[in-house]
Amino acid sequence: MTTQKQSGRARLHLIVSGRVQGVGFRFSACDEAKNLALAGWVRNIPSDEVEIVAEGSRESLQMLVAWAHLGTPSAHVTEVREDWLDFTGEFTEFRIR
């Protein structure tokens, strides 16, 4: 059986801080994740941050991290906290929660 590291797949948990709510960040994140063939979800959280959980290829996940540092034109990202985890395969699509 192939291990997660050998398959090049991973799970990524991001918390994005700054002006990221009310600026279309979740919708753009969803579009970006779908374009990168990632599965998972994005949501606003009470701390005025955005939380993203995504699974897929490490390369695509790294591209999502790079996108998250920029966000939408109206956003002002001040911090992106990332936590790399083992791939679980629990998601079939990417959606907004």
N, C-alpha and C. Protein backbone atom coordinates (compact mmCIF):
# COMPACT_ATOMS: atom_id res chain seq x y z
N MET A 1 0.84 -1.20 0.00
CA MET A 1 0.00 0.00 0.00
C MET A 1 0.88 1.26 0.00
N THR A 2 0.46 2.27 -0.74
CA THR A 2 1.22 3.50 -0.85
C THR A 2 0.97 4.40 0.35
N THR A 3 2.03 4.93 0.92
CA THR A 3 1.85 5.86 2.04
C THR A 3 1.47 7.23 1.51
N GLN A 4 0.96 8.09 2.39
CA GLN A 4 0.54 9.43 1.98
C GLN A 4 1.71 10.24 1.44
N LYS A 5 2.87 10.12 2.05
CA LYS A 5 4.04 10.88 1.59
C LYS A 5 4.44 10.43 0.19
N GLN A 6 4.39 9.13 -0.07
CA GLN A 6 4.75 8.61 -1.38
C GLN A 6 3.75 9.06 -2.43
N SER A 7 2.50 9.14 -2.08
CA SER A 7 1.47 9.51 -3.05
C SER A 7 1.48 11.01 -3.34
N GLY A 8 2.16 11.79 -2.49
CA GLY A 8 2.23 13.22 -2.70
C GLY A 8 0.96 13.96 -2.34
N ARG A 9 0.09 13.32 -1.60
CA ARG A 9 -1.16 13.94 -1.20
C ARG A 9 -1.10 14.30 0.27
N ALA A 10 -1.82 15.38 0.62
CA ALA A 10 -1.80 15.84 2.01
C ALA A 10 -3.09 16.57 2.33
N ARG A 11 -3.22 16.92 3.59
CA ARG A 11 -4.33 17.72 4.08
C ARG A 11 -3.72 18.99 4.66
N LEU A 12 -4.37 20.10 4.43
CA LEU A 12 -3.87 21.39 4.88
C LEU A 12 -4.97 22.14 5.61
N HIS A 13 -4.62 22.68 6.78
CA HIS A 13 -5.55 23.50 7.56
C HIS A 13 -4.96 24.90 7.62
N LEU A 14 -5.72 25.89 7.12
CA LEU A 14 -5.26 27.28 7.12
C LEU A 14 -6.20 28.16 7.93
N ILE A 15 -5.61 29.13 8.63
CA ILE A 15 -6.37 30.22 9.25
C ILE A 15 -5.80 31.50 8.64
N VAL A 16 -6.66 32.26 7.98
CA VAL A 16 -6.24 33.47 7.29
C VAL A 16 -6.77 34.68 8.06
N SER A 17 -5.85 35.57 8.45
CA SER A 17 -6.20 36.75 9.24
C SER A 17 -6.07 38.02 8.41
N GLY A 18 -6.75 39.05 8.90
CA GLY A 18 -6.72 40.36 8.24
C GLY A 18 -8.13 40.77 7.86
N ARG A 19 -8.23 41.61 6.82
CA ARG A 19 -9.57 41.96 6.31
C ARG A 19 -9.93 40.90 5.27
N VAL A 20 -10.54 39.80 5.75
CA VAL A 20 -10.83 38.66 4.89
C VAL A 20 -12.30 38.25 4.91
N GLN A 21 -13.10 38.96 5.69
CA GLN A 21 -14.54 38.69 5.69
C GLN A 21 -15.25 39.87 5.03
N GLY A 22 -16.28 39.57 4.23
CA GLY A 22 -17.04 40.61 3.56
C GLY A 22 -16.35 41.15 2.31
N VAL A 23 -15.34 40.43 1.82
CA VAL A 23 -14.60 40.88 0.64
C VAL A 23 -14.54 39.81 -0.45
N GLY A 24 -15.43 38.81 -0.35
CA GLY A 24 -15.48 37.74 -1.35
C GLY A 24 -14.38 36.70 -1.21
N PHE A 25 -13.71 36.68 -0.07
CA PHE A 25 -12.58 35.78 0.14
C PHE A 25 -12.99 34.31 0.04
N ARG A 26 -14.09 33.95 0.70
CA ARG A 26 -14.52 32.54 0.69
C ARG A 26 -14.86 32.07 -0.72
N PHE A 27 -15.57 32.90 -1.47
CA PHE A 27 -15.98 32.52 -2.82
C PHE A 27 -14.76 32.37 -3.73
N SER A 28 -13.83 33.29 -3.61
CA SER A 28 -12.60 33.20 -4.40
C SER A 28 -11.75 32.01 -3.98
N ALA A 29 -11.69 31.74 -2.68
CA ALA A 29 -10.94 30.58 -2.19
C ALA A 29 -11.54 29.30 -2.73
N CYS A 30 -12.85 29.23 -2.77
CA CYS A 30 -13.54 28.05 -3.30
C CYS A 30 -13.21 27.87 -4.78
N ASP A 31 -13.28 28.94 -5.54
CA ASP A 31 -12.94 28.88 -6.97
C ASP A 31 -11.49 28.44 -7.17
N GLU A 32 -10.59 29.03 -6.39
CA GLU A 32 -9.17 28.69 -6.50
C GLU A 32 -8.94 27.22 -6.17
N ALA A 33 -9.54 26.74 -5.09
CA ALA A 33 -9.38 25.34 -4.70
C ALA A 33 -9.91 24.40 -5.77
N LYS A 34 -11.07 24.73 -6.34
CA LYS A 34 -11.63 23.89 -7.41
C LYS A 34 -10.72 23.88 -8.63
N ASN A 35 -10.17 25.05 -8.98
CA ASN A 35 -9.24 25.13 -10.11
C ASN A 35 -7.98 24.30 -9.88
N LEU A 36 -7.61 24.15 -8.62
CA LEU A 36 -6.42 23.37 -8.25
C LEU A 36 -6.75 21.89 -7.99
N ALA A 37 -8.00 21.50 -8.25
CA ALA A 37 -8.47 20.12 -8.05
C ALA A 37 -8.33 19.68 -6.60
N LEU A 38 -8.62 20.59 -5.66
CA LEU A 38 -8.59 20.27 -4.24
C LEU A 38 -10.00 20.01 -3.74
N ALA A 39 -10.11 19.27 -2.66
CA ALA A 39 -11.39 19.00 -2.01
C ALA A 39 -11.30 19.49 -0.57
N GLY A 40 -12.45 19.90 -0.01
CA GLY A 40 -12.48 20.38 1.36
C GLY A 40 -13.50 21.48 1.53
N TRP A 41 -13.19 22.47 2.36
CA TRP A 41 -14.16 23.54 2.63
C TRP A 41 -13.47 24.81 3.11
N VAL A 42 -14.25 25.90 3.06
CA VAL A 42 -13.81 27.20 3.56
C VAL A 42 -14.98 27.80 4.32
N ARG A 43 -14.68 28.53 5.40
CA ARG A 43 -15.75 29.18 6.17
C ARG A 43 -15.19 30.39 6.92
N ASN A 44 -16.10 31.33 7.23
CA ASN A 44 -15.77 32.42 8.15
C ASN A 44 -15.84 31.85 9.56
N ILE A 45 -14.96 32.36 10.44
CA ILE A 45 -15.03 31.96 11.84
C ILE A 45 -15.22 33.21 12.70
N PRO A 46 -15.75 33.05 13.91
CA PRO A 46 -16.11 34.20 14.74
C PRO A 46 -14.98 35.20 15.04
N SER A 47 -13.74 34.78 14.90
CA SER A 47 -12.61 35.66 15.17
C SER A 47 -12.33 36.62 14.01
N ASP A 48 -13.27 36.71 13.06
CA ASP A 48 -13.13 37.54 11.85
C ASP A 48 -12.02 37.04 10.93
N GLU A 49 -11.72 35.75 11.03
CA GLU A 49 -10.73 35.11 10.17
C GLU A 49 -11.47 34.13 9.25
N VAL A 50 -10.74 33.58 8.30
CA VAL A 50 -11.28 32.56 7.41
C VAL A 50 -10.51 31.28 7.65
N GLU A 51 -11.23 30.17 7.74
CA GLU A 51 -10.63 28.86 7.94
C GLU A 51 -10.81 28.04 6.66
N ILE A 52 -9.74 27.38 6.25
CA ILE A 52 -9.76 26.53 5.06
C ILE A 52 -9.19 25.17 5.43
N VAL A 53 -9.89 24.13 5.04
CA VAL A 53 -9.36 22.76 5.13
C VAL A 53 -9.41 22.20 3.72
N ALA A 54 -8.27 21.76 3.22
CA ALA A 54 -8.21 21.26 1.86
C ALA A 54 -7.33 20.03 1.79
N GLU A 55 -7.67 19.15 0.85
CA GLU A 55 -6.87 17.96 0.59
C GLU A 55 -6.61 17.84 -0.90
N GLY A 56 -5.45 17.29 -1.22
CA GLY A 56 -5.08 17.07 -2.61
C GLY A 56 -3.58 16.94 -2.72
N SER A 57 -3.06 17.23 -3.91
CA SER A 57 -1.62 17.12 -4.11
C SER A 57 -0.90 18.21 -3.32
N ARG A 58 0.28 17.88 -2.85
CA ARG A 58 1.07 18.87 -2.10
C ARG A 58 1.35 20.11 -2.95
N GLU A 59 1.61 19.90 -4.22
CA GLU A 59 1.89 21.03 -5.12
C GLU A 59 0.69 21.97 -5.20
N SER A 60 -0.50 21.41 -5.37
CA SER A 60 -1.71 22.24 -5.43
C SER A 60 -1.99 22.92 -4.10
N LEU A 61 -1.74 22.23 -3.00
CA LEU A 61 -1.94 22.83 -1.68
C LEU A 61 -0.97 23.99 -1.46
N GLN A 62 0.27 23.84 -1.92
CA GLN A 62 1.22 24.93 -1.81
C GLN A 62 0.78 26.14 -2.64
N MET A 63 0.16 25.88 -3.79
CA MET A 63 -0.36 26.97 -4.62
C MET A 63 -1.53 27.67 -3.91
N LEU A 64 -2.34 26.90 -3.18
CA LEU A 64 -3.43 27.50 -2.42
C LEU A 64 -2.89 28.39 -1.30
N VAL A 65 -1.82 27.96 -0.64
CA VAL A 65 -1.18 28.78 0.40
C VAL A 65 -0.70 30.09 -0.20
N ALA A 66 -0.06 30.01 -1.35
CA ALA A 66 0.44 31.23 -2.01
C ALA A 66 -0.72 32.15 -2.34
N TRP A 67 -1.83 31.59 -2.84
CA TRP A 67 -3.02 32.40 -3.14
C TRP A 67 -3.56 33.04 -1.86
N ALA A 68 -3.62 32.28 -0.77
CA ALA A 68 -4.19 32.78 0.49
C ALA A 68 -3.42 33.98 1.02
N HIS A 69 -2.13 34.05 0.75
CA HIS A 69 -1.33 35.19 1.20
C HIS A 69 -1.74 36.47 0.46
N LEU A 70 -2.32 36.34 -0.72
CA LEU A 70 -2.77 37.50 -1.50
C LEU A 70 -4.26 37.74 -1.33
N GLY A 71 -5.06 36.68 -1.45
CA GLY A 71 -6.52 36.81 -1.33
C GLY A 71 -7.12 37.57 -2.49
N THR A 72 -8.25 38.17 -2.24
CA THR A 72 -8.96 38.94 -3.27
C THR A 72 -8.41 40.36 -3.31
N PRO A 73 -8.70 41.11 -4.38
CA PRO A 73 -8.22 42.50 -4.45
C PRO A 73 -8.69 43.36 -3.27
N SER A 74 -9.88 43.09 -2.72
CA SER A 74 -10.42 43.88 -1.61
C SER A 74 -9.92 43.41 -0.24
N ALA A 75 -9.30 42.25 -0.20
CA ALA A 75 -8.81 41.70 1.07
C ALA A 75 -7.47 42.33 1.44
N HIS A 76 -7.17 42.26 2.73
CA HIS A 76 -5.84 42.65 3.23
C HIS A 76 -5.41 41.56 4.20
N VAL A 77 -4.64 40.62 3.68
CA VAL A 77 -4.19 39.47 4.48
C VAL A 77 -2.99 39.89 5.32
N THR A 78 -3.08 39.65 6.62
CA THR A 78 -1.97 39.99 7.51
C THR A 78 -1.21 38.75 8.00
N GLU A 79 -1.87 37.59 7.96
CA GLU A 79 -1.22 36.36 8.43
C GLU A 79 -1.93 35.15 7.87
N VAL A 80 -1.16 34.12 7.54
CA VAL A 80 -1.70 32.82 7.13
C VAL A 80 -1.00 31.78 7.99
N ARG A 81 -1.78 31.13 8.85
CA ARG A 81 -1.23 30.05 9.68
C ARG A 81 -1.56 28.73 8.99
N GLU A 82 -0.56 27.90 8.82
CA GLU A 82 -0.79 26.63 8.12
C GLU A 82 -0.36 25.44 8.96
N ASP A 83 -1.15 24.39 8.85
CA ASP A 83 -0.88 23.15 9.56
C ASP A 83 -1.03 22.01 8.54
N TRP A 84 0.07 21.34 8.26
CA TRP A 84 0.06 20.22 7.30
C TRP A 84 -0.24 18.92 8.04
N LEU A 85 -1.19 18.17 7.50
CA LEU A 85 -1.67 16.94 8.13
C LEU A 85 -1.66 15.80 7.12
N ASP A 86 -1.94 14.60 7.60
CA ASP A 86 -2.02 13.43 6.72
C ASP A 86 -3.31 13.47 5.91
N PHE A 87 -3.22 13.07 4.67
CA PHE A 87 -4.37 12.97 3.77
C PHE A 87 -5.36 11.95 4.32
N THR A 88 -6.66 12.30 4.31
CA THR A 88 -7.69 11.37 4.79
C THR A 88 -8.62 10.89 3.70
N GLY A 89 -8.80 11.68 2.65
CA GLY A 89 -9.72 11.32 1.57
C GLY A 89 -11.18 11.49 1.93
N GLU A 90 -11.47 12.26 2.98
CA GLU A 90 -12.86 12.37 3.43
C GLU A 90 -13.74 13.26 2.55
N PHE A 91 -13.14 14.11 1.71
CA PHE A 91 -13.92 15.05 0.90
C PHE A 91 -14.01 14.60 -0.55
N THR A 92 -15.14 14.93 -1.18
CA THR A 92 -15.31 14.62 -2.60
C THR A 92 -15.34 15.88 -3.46
N GLU A 93 -15.49 17.04 -2.82
CA GLU A 93 -15.55 18.31 -3.54
C GLU A 93 -15.09 19.41 -2.61
N PHE A 94 -15.00 20.63 -3.13
CA PHE A 94 -14.68 21.78 -2.30
C PHE A 94 -15.92 22.65 -2.22
N ARG A 95 -16.23 23.11 -0.99
CA ARG A 95 -17.44 23.91 -0.82
C ARG A 95 -17.28 24.98 0.26
N ILE A 96 -18.23 25.90 0.26
CA ILE A 96 -18.28 26.94 1.28
C ILE A 96 -19.22 26.47 2.37
N ARG A 97 -18.76 26.58 3.61
CA ARG A 97 -19.61 26.20 4.75
C ARG A 97 -20.27 27.43 5.33
